[in-house]
Amino acid sequence: MLTESKKLNIAIILFIIVYVIAIIIGSLYSILGLMPYHRTSLGMSTSRINSFNPNIMPFIYIIIRVNGFLFLTLGINGLLIIYYGIRNKEKWAWLYNLISFIFISIPLVVLLYNETFAMPFPLALFVFILWILALGISYREIFG
């Protein structure tokens, strides 16, 4: 899957890490739904939320699971784009990585920056930094 360019290979590995993390997070959200840090952020137990309004918990689970499937889609698409585009130095593939992740990672990092999301914020920031590095390293290799 790698190329002759060492820099592009580094970028590909960073992109792969980013998209595998998206697939893992997407899988967890799709299967488990509400995570412990979600409960902490809500400041209420599941039973207390149900006693307040029994229609809220199914809605919360649906939203979280939909987000999980969106992350799964992003990860799978990203890996395919790397294999078919970045590896072949296609400009459209680099632009896909820029556009698709810019609308996800920047809001994610900004929105998760609070004390109740202590676990996912460092992970989101880590992925964001890897993504920036991969884009930066691959830019010159792809656009010359």
Protein backbone atom coordinates (compact mmCIF):
# COMPACT_ATOMS: atom_id res chain seq x y z
CA MET A 1 0.00 0.00 0.00
CA LEU A 2 2.95 2.31 0.45
CA THR A 3 4.71 4.36 -2.22
CA GLU A 4 8.30 5.15 -3.18
CA SER A 5 8.15 8.51 -1.38
CA LYS A 6 9.13 8.29 2.29
CA LYS A 7 7.25 11.50 3.14
CA LEU A 8 4.08 10.30 1.47
CA ASN A 9 4.42 6.97 3.27
CA ILE A 10 4.59 8.80 6.61
CA ALA A 11 1.49 10.81 5.68
CA ILE A 12 -0.33 7.63 4.63
CA ILE A 13 0.49 5.98 7.95
CA LEU A 14 -0.77 9.05 9.84
CA PHE A 15 -3.97 9.08 7.76
CA ILE A 16 -4.44 5.37 8.43
CA ILE A 17 -4.11 5.95 12.19
CA VAL A 18 -6.67 8.79 12.01
CA TYR A 19 -9.18 6.69 10.07
CA VAL A 20 -8.69 3.55 12.15
CA ILE A 21 -9.40 5.62 15.28
CA ALA A 22 -12.56 6.92 13.56
CA ILE A 23 -13.60 3.32 12.84
CA ILE A 24 -12.95 2.24 16.44
CA ILE A 25 -14.87 5.19 17.91
CA GLY A 26 -17.64 4.68 15.37
CA SER A 27 -17.88 1.00 16.26
CA LEU A 28 -18.04 1.75 19.99
CA TYR A 29 -20.72 4.42 19.55
CA SER A 30 -22.73 2.25 17.13
CA ILE A 31 -22.72 -0.76 19.47
CA LEU A 32 -22.69 0.75 22.96
CA GLY A 33 -24.48 4.05 22.48
CA LEU A 34 -24.24 6.07 25.68
CA MET A 35 -20.69 6.15 27.05
CA PRO A 36 -19.70 6.84 30.69
CA TYR A 37 -18.50 10.36 29.87
CA HIS A 38 -21.89 11.12 28.29
CA ARG A 39 -23.56 10.28 31.60
CA THR A 40 -21.03 12.45 33.43
CA SER A 41 -21.72 15.31 31.06
CA LEU A 42 -25.46 14.97 31.55
CA GLY A 43 -24.99 14.92 35.32
CA MET A 44 -27.80 12.40 35.62
CA SER A 45 -28.12 8.65 35.76
CA THR A 46 -30.03 6.80 33.06
CA SER A 47 -32.83 6.00 35.52
CA ARG A 48 -33.12 9.65 36.55
CA ILE A 49 -33.33 10.72 32.91
CA ASN A 50 -36.00 8.07 32.31
CA SER A 51 -37.98 9.25 35.33
CA PHE A 52 -37.77 12.83 34.04
CA ASN A 53 -38.90 11.92 30.51
CA PRO A 54 -38.84 8.34 29.19
CA ASN A 55 -38.66 9.58 25.58
CA ILE A 56 -35.28 11.27 26.01
CA MET A 57 -33.06 8.19 26.48
CA PRO A 58 -34.10 6.44 23.24
CA PHE A 59 -33.51 9.73 21.42
CA ILE A 60 -30.05 10.12 23.00
CA TYR A 61 -29.14 6.53 22.08
CA ILE A 62 -30.29 7.07 18.48
CA ILE A 63 -28.26 10.29 18.12
CA ILE A 64 -25.12 8.67 19.55
CA ARG A 65 -25.51 5.57 17.38
CA VAL A 66 -26.08 7.67 14.25
CA ASN A 67 -22.88 9.55 15.10
CA GLY A 68 -21.16 6.19 15.46
CA PHE A 69 -22.24 5.14 11.98
CA LEU A 70 -21.11 8.50 10.63
CA PHE A 71 -17.64 7.95 12.14
CA LEU A 72 -17.59 4.42 10.70
CA THR A 73 -18.45 5.82 7.27
CA LEU A 74 -15.77 8.51 7.57
CA GLY A 75 -13.16 5.92 8.55
CA ILE A 76 -14.01 3.44 5.83
CA ASN A 77 -14.23 6.17 3.16
CA GLY A 78 -10.94 7.61 4.37
CA LEU A 79 -9.14 4.28 4.07
CA LEU A 80 -10.53 3.78 0.57
CA ILE A 81 -9.49 7.31 -0.44
CA ILE A 82 -5.97 6.65 0.87
CA TYR A 83 -5.74 3.40 -1.05
CA TYR A 84 -7.15 4.68 -4.34
CA GLY A 85 -6.18 8.36 -4.23
CA ILE A 86 -3.45 9.46 -1.82
CA ARG A 87 -1.26 6.50 -2.71
CA ASN A 88 -1.45 7.55 -6.37
CA LYS A 89 -0.86 11.23 -5.54
CA GLU A 90 -4.34 12.28 -6.67
CA LYS A 91 -5.17 15.90 -5.84
CA TRP A 92 -8.87 15.14 -5.34
CA ALA A 93 -7.96 12.64 -2.58
CA TRP A 94 -5.98 15.24 -0.66
CA LEU A 95 -8.87 17.70 -1.02
CA TYR A 96 -11.30 15.02 0.18
CA ASN A 97 -9.21 14.57 3.32
CA LEU A 98 -9.11 18.31 3.88
CA ILE A 99 -12.81 18.97 3.33
CA SER A 100 -14.25 15.88 5.02
CA PHE A 101 -12.22 16.23 8.18
CA ILE A 102 -12.30 20.02 8.48
CA PHE A 103 -16.06 19.94 9.03
CA ILE A 104 -15.74 17.16 11.60
CA SER A 105 -12.51 17.60 13.52
CA ILE A 106 -12.51 21.36 14.16
CA PRO A 107 -16.06 21.43 15.62
CA LEU A 108 -15.34 18.22 17.52
CA VAL A 109 -12.22 19.61 19.18
CA VAL A 110 -13.92 22.92 19.97
CA LEU A 111 -17.11 21.33 21.35
CA LEU A 112 -15.29 18.71 23.41
CA TYR A 113 -13.09 21.28 25.12
CA ASN A 114 -14.80 21.27 28.52
CA GLU A 115 -14.23 19.55 31.84
CA THR A 116 -17.01 16.95 31.46
CA PHE A 117 -15.49 15.47 28.31
CA ALA A 118 -12.10 14.77 29.88
CA MET A 119 -11.64 11.46 28.04
CA PRO A 120 -12.60 12.25 24.43
CA PHE A 121 -11.02 15.70 24.21
CA PRO A 122 -7.37 14.52 24.31
CA LEU A 123 -8.21 11.82 21.76
CA ALA A 124 -9.94 14.33 19.48
CA LEU A 125 -7.00 16.72 19.81
CA PHE A 126 -4.53 13.89 19.10
CA VAL A 127 -6.43 12.87 15.95
CA PHE A 128 -6.68 16.51 14.86
CA ILE A 129 -2.90 16.96 15.21
CA LEU A 130 -2.20 13.72 13.30
CA TRP A 131 -4.57 14.86 10.56
CA ILE A 132 -2.86 18.27 10.27
CA LEU A 133 0.56 16.58 10.11
CA ALA A 134 -0.61 14.12 7.45
CA LEU A 135 -2.09 16.91 5.34
CA GLY A 136 1.04 19.03 5.70
CA ILE A 137 3.45 16.22 4.89
CA SER A 138 1.44 14.99 1.91
CA TYR A 139 0.73 18.44 0.43
CA ARG A 140 4.10 18.96 -1.23
CA GLU A 141 4.25 15.34 -2.37
CA ILE A 142 0.87 15.56 -4.08
CA PHE A 143 0.81 19.14 -5.34
CA GLY A 144 4.53 19.31 -6.10
